[in-house]
Amino acid sequence: MDAEKLHCYSCGGSFAREELQYRPSGRGAYRKVAYYCPICNEKEKKKDQLKATQYLVRKSLPSRPANFQLRPAAWNK
C-alpha cells in the first residue's frame, strides 16, 4: 500500500505523511492545514524564535529617552 503523500507548505516538496510536521497557520476559521518538511520546520521554528526575541527587545526599550520623560517641555522641540 502506498503511503499518503502531502506537500510541504513552504518548499512544495512531496513527502510521506509520517515525515511532515503539522504547524497550524492562522487563527479560528482562517486556520490553514500546513504541513512542513523537517528542514522547513526548523526554519519556521527559528523564525518564530527570532520574532519572539524581537518583541521582547522592543518591549524592553523605553518609548522615549529617559531625560525626555522628566521634561515635558522638551517634547515639543
N, C-alpha and C. Protein backbone atom coordinates (compact mmCIF):
# COMPACT_ATOMS: atom_id res chain seq x y z
N MET A 1 0.84 -1.18 0.00
CA MET A 1 0.00 0.00 0.00
C MET A 1 0.89 1.24 0.00
N ASP A 2 0.57 2.18 -0.84
CA ASP A 2 1.35 3.40 -0.95
C ASP A 2 0.97 4.37 0.17
N ALA A 3 2.00 4.99 0.79
CA ALA A 3 1.75 5.94 1.86
C ALA A 3 1.14 7.22 1.28
N GLU A 4 0.36 7.90 2.10
CA GLU A 4 -0.26 9.15 1.66
C GLU A 4 0.83 10.21 1.47
N LYS A 5 0.82 10.86 0.32
CA LYS A 5 1.81 11.89 0.00
C LYS A 5 1.17 13.27 0.17
N LEU A 6 1.88 14.13 0.86
CA LEU A 6 1.44 15.51 1.04
C LEU A 6 2.57 16.44 0.64
N HIS A 7 2.23 17.69 0.41
CA HIS A 7 3.23 18.68 0.00
C HIS A 7 3.60 19.57 1.18
N CYS A 8 4.87 19.93 1.24
CA CYS A 8 5.36 20.87 2.24
C CYS A 8 4.75 22.24 1.93
N TYR A 9 4.26 22.92 2.95
CA TYR A 9 3.62 24.22 2.77
C TYR A 9 4.62 25.29 2.34
N SER A 10 5.89 25.11 2.71
CA SER A 10 6.90 26.12 2.41
C SER A 10 7.62 25.86 1.09
N CYS A 11 8.24 24.69 0.97
CA CYS A 11 9.05 24.44 -0.23
C CYS A 11 8.29 23.72 -1.33
N GLY A 12 7.15 23.10 -1.01
CA GLY A 12 6.34 22.44 -2.02
C GLY A 12 6.76 21.03 -2.35
N GLY A 13 7.76 20.51 -1.65
CA GLY A 13 8.22 19.15 -1.90
C GLY A 13 7.17 18.13 -1.51
N SER A 14 7.20 16.96 -2.14
CA SER A 14 6.24 15.90 -1.87
C SER A 14 6.87 14.90 -0.90
N PHE A 15 6.19 14.64 0.22
CA PHE A 15 6.71 13.77 1.27
C PHE A 15 5.61 12.85 1.77
N ALA A 16 6.01 11.76 2.41
CA ALA A 16 5.04 10.88 3.07
C ALA A 16 4.50 11.61 4.29
N ARG A 17 3.28 11.32 4.67
CA ARG A 17 2.62 12.00 5.79
C ARG A 17 3.43 11.87 7.08
N GLU A 18 4.09 10.74 7.29
CA GLU A 18 4.84 10.49 8.52
C GLU A 18 6.07 11.40 8.63
N GLU A 19 6.59 11.88 7.50
CA GLU A 19 7.79 12.72 7.51
C GLU A 19 7.48 14.18 7.80
N LEU A 20 6.25 14.59 7.61
CA LEU A 20 5.88 16.00 7.74
C LEU A 20 5.40 16.33 9.15
N GLN A 21 5.61 17.58 9.55
CA GLN A 21 5.12 18.07 10.83
C GLN A 21 4.00 19.07 10.57
N TYR A 22 2.94 18.94 11.35
CA TYR A 22 1.80 19.84 11.23
C TYR A 22 2.07 21.08 12.07
N ARG A 23 1.93 22.24 11.47
CA ARG A 23 2.04 23.52 12.17
C ARG A 23 0.83 24.35 11.80
N PRO A 24 -0.05 24.63 12.77
CA PRO A 24 -1.23 25.43 12.45
C PRO A 24 -0.84 26.83 11.98
N SER A 25 -1.53 27.29 10.96
CA SER A 25 -1.26 28.61 10.39
C SER A 25 -2.54 29.41 10.43
N GLY A 26 -2.54 30.55 11.10
CA GLY A 26 -3.74 31.37 11.22
C GLY A 26 -4.51 31.04 12.48
N ARG A 27 -5.64 31.71 12.63
CA ARG A 27 -6.45 31.51 13.83
C ARG A 27 -7.91 31.29 13.45
N GLY A 28 -8.59 30.52 14.27
CA GLY A 28 -10.02 30.33 14.13
C GLY A 28 -10.44 29.79 12.78
N ALA A 29 -11.41 30.44 12.18
CA ALA A 29 -11.94 29.99 10.89
C ALA A 29 -10.93 30.16 9.77
N TYR A 30 -9.90 30.97 9.99
CA TYR A 30 -8.91 31.23 8.94
C TYR A 30 -7.72 30.28 9.02
N ARG A 31 -7.77 29.31 9.92
CA ARG A 31 -6.65 28.38 10.11
C ARG A 31 -6.47 27.52 8.87
N LYS A 32 -5.22 27.39 8.43
CA LYS A 32 -4.90 26.57 7.27
C LYS A 32 -4.23 25.29 7.73
N VAL A 33 -4.38 24.25 6.95
CA VAL A 33 -3.69 22.99 7.21
C VAL A 33 -2.32 23.12 6.57
N ALA A 34 -1.30 23.26 7.40
CA ALA A 34 0.06 23.48 6.90
C ALA A 34 0.97 22.39 7.43
N TYR A 35 1.52 21.61 6.53
CA TYR A 35 2.49 20.58 6.88
C TYR A 35 3.86 21.01 6.37
N TYR A 36 4.88 20.87 7.22
CA TYR A 36 6.23 21.27 6.86
C TYR A 36 7.17 20.08 6.90
N CYS A 37 8.12 20.05 5.94
CA CYS A 37 9.17 19.03 5.96
C CYS A 37 10.12 19.36 7.11
N PRO A 38 10.98 18.43 7.53
CA PRO A 38 11.86 18.69 8.68
C PRO A 38 12.75 19.94 8.51
N ILE A 39 13.26 20.17 7.32
CA ILE A 39 14.13 21.32 7.09
C ILE A 39 13.35 22.63 7.23
N CYS A 40 12.20 22.70 6.57
CA CYS A 40 11.38 23.91 6.64
C CYS A 40 10.81 24.12 8.04
N ASN A 41 10.53 23.03 8.75
CA ASN A 41 10.01 23.13 10.11
C ASN A 41 11.05 23.79 11.02
N GLU A 42 12.32 23.42 10.86
CA GLU A 42 13.39 24.04 11.65
C GLU A 42 13.51 25.52 11.31
N LYS A 43 13.38 25.86 10.03
CA LYS A 43 13.43 27.27 9.63
C LYS A 43 12.29 28.06 10.28
N GLU A 44 11.09 27.47 10.29
CA GLU A 44 9.94 28.14 10.89
C GLU A 44 10.14 28.32 12.39
N LYS A 45 10.72 27.32 13.05
CA LYS A 45 11.00 27.45 14.49
C LYS A 45 11.97 28.59 14.74
N LYS A 46 13.00 28.71 13.91
CA LYS A 46 13.97 29.79 14.07
C LYS A 46 13.31 31.14 13.83
N LYS A 47 12.42 31.23 12.84
CA LYS A 47 11.70 32.48 12.58
C LYS A 47 10.84 32.87 13.77
N ASP A 48 10.12 31.88 14.33
CA ASP A 48 9.26 32.16 15.48
C ASP A 48 10.08 32.63 16.68
N GLN A 49 11.23 31.98 16.89
CA GLN A 49 12.10 32.35 18.00
C GLN A 49 12.64 33.77 17.80
N LEU A 50 13.02 34.11 16.58
CA LEU A 50 13.52 35.45 16.28
C LEU A 50 12.44 36.50 16.49
N LYS A 51 11.21 36.21 16.06
CA LYS A 51 10.10 37.15 16.26
C LYS A 51 9.85 37.38 17.74
N ALA A 52 9.91 36.32 18.55
CA ALA A 52 9.69 36.45 19.99
C ALA A 52 10.79 37.29 20.63
N THR A 53 12.03 37.09 20.19
CA THR A 53 13.15 37.87 20.72
C THR A 53 13.01 39.33 20.34
N GLN A 54 12.64 39.61 19.09
CA GLN A 54 12.45 40.99 18.66
C GLN A 54 11.36 41.67 19.47
N TYR A 55 10.29 40.95 19.76
CA TYR A 55 9.19 41.50 20.54
C TYR A 55 9.67 41.86 21.94
N LEU A 56 10.44 40.96 22.58
CA LEU A 56 10.91 41.21 23.94
C LEU A 56 11.87 42.40 23.98
N VAL A 57 12.74 42.51 22.98
CA VAL A 57 13.67 43.63 22.94
C VAL A 57 12.91 44.93 22.74
N ARG A 58 11.94 44.92 21.84
CA ARG A 58 11.15 46.12 21.58
C ARG A 58 10.39 46.56 22.83
N LYS A 59 9.84 45.60 23.57
CA LYS A 59 9.08 45.93 24.77
C LYS A 59 9.98 46.42 25.90
N SER A 60 11.25 46.02 25.90
CA SER A 60 12.15 46.42 26.98
C SER A 60 12.68 47.84 26.79
N LEU A 61 12.64 48.38 25.58
CA LEU A 61 13.13 49.73 25.33
C LEU A 61 12.07 50.76 25.69
N PRO A 62 12.49 51.88 26.27
CA PRO A 62 11.50 52.93 26.57
C PRO A 62 11.02 53.57 25.27
N SER A 63 9.81 54.11 25.32
CA SER A 63 9.25 54.74 24.13
C SER A 63 9.93 56.07 23.84
N ARG A 64 10.43 56.74 24.88
CA ARG A 64 11.18 57.99 24.73
C ARG A 64 12.47 57.87 25.53
N PRO A 65 13.46 58.66 25.22
CA PRO A 65 14.67 58.68 26.05
C PRO A 65 14.33 59.09 27.48
N ALA A 66 15.09 58.63 28.44
CA ALA A 66 14.78 58.85 29.85
C ALA A 66 14.75 60.33 30.21
N ASN A 67 15.65 61.14 29.64
CA ASN A 67 15.66 62.56 30.00
C ASN A 67 14.44 63.30 29.46
N PHE A 68 13.80 62.81 28.41
CA PHE A 68 12.59 63.45 27.89
C PHE A 68 11.39 63.21 28.79
N GLN A 69 11.38 62.14 29.52
CA GLN A 69 10.25 61.84 30.39
C GLN A 69 10.18 62.81 31.56
N LEU A 70 11.32 63.39 31.94
CA LEU A 70 11.34 64.30 33.07
C LEU A 70 11.00 65.74 32.66
N ARG A 71 11.19 66.08 31.39
CA ARG A 71 10.98 67.45 30.93
C ARG A 71 9.93 67.47 29.81
N PRO A 72 8.65 67.58 30.12
CA PRO A 72 7.62 67.57 29.07
C PRO A 72 7.77 68.70 28.06
N ALA A 73 8.39 69.83 28.44
CA ALA A 73 8.57 70.93 27.50
C ALA A 73 9.50 70.53 26.36
N ALA A 74 10.36 69.57 26.57
CA ALA A 74 11.30 69.13 25.53
C ALA A 74 10.59 68.32 24.45
N TRP A 75 9.40 67.83 24.74
CA TRP A 75 8.67 67.01 23.75
C TRP A 75 8.30 67.85 22.53
N ASN A 76 8.05 69.13 22.72
CA ASN A 76 7.57 69.99 21.64
C ASN A 76 8.69 70.53 20.76
N LYS A 77 9.91 70.24 21.09
CA LYS A 77 11.03 70.77 20.30
C LYS A 77 11.19 70.05 19.00
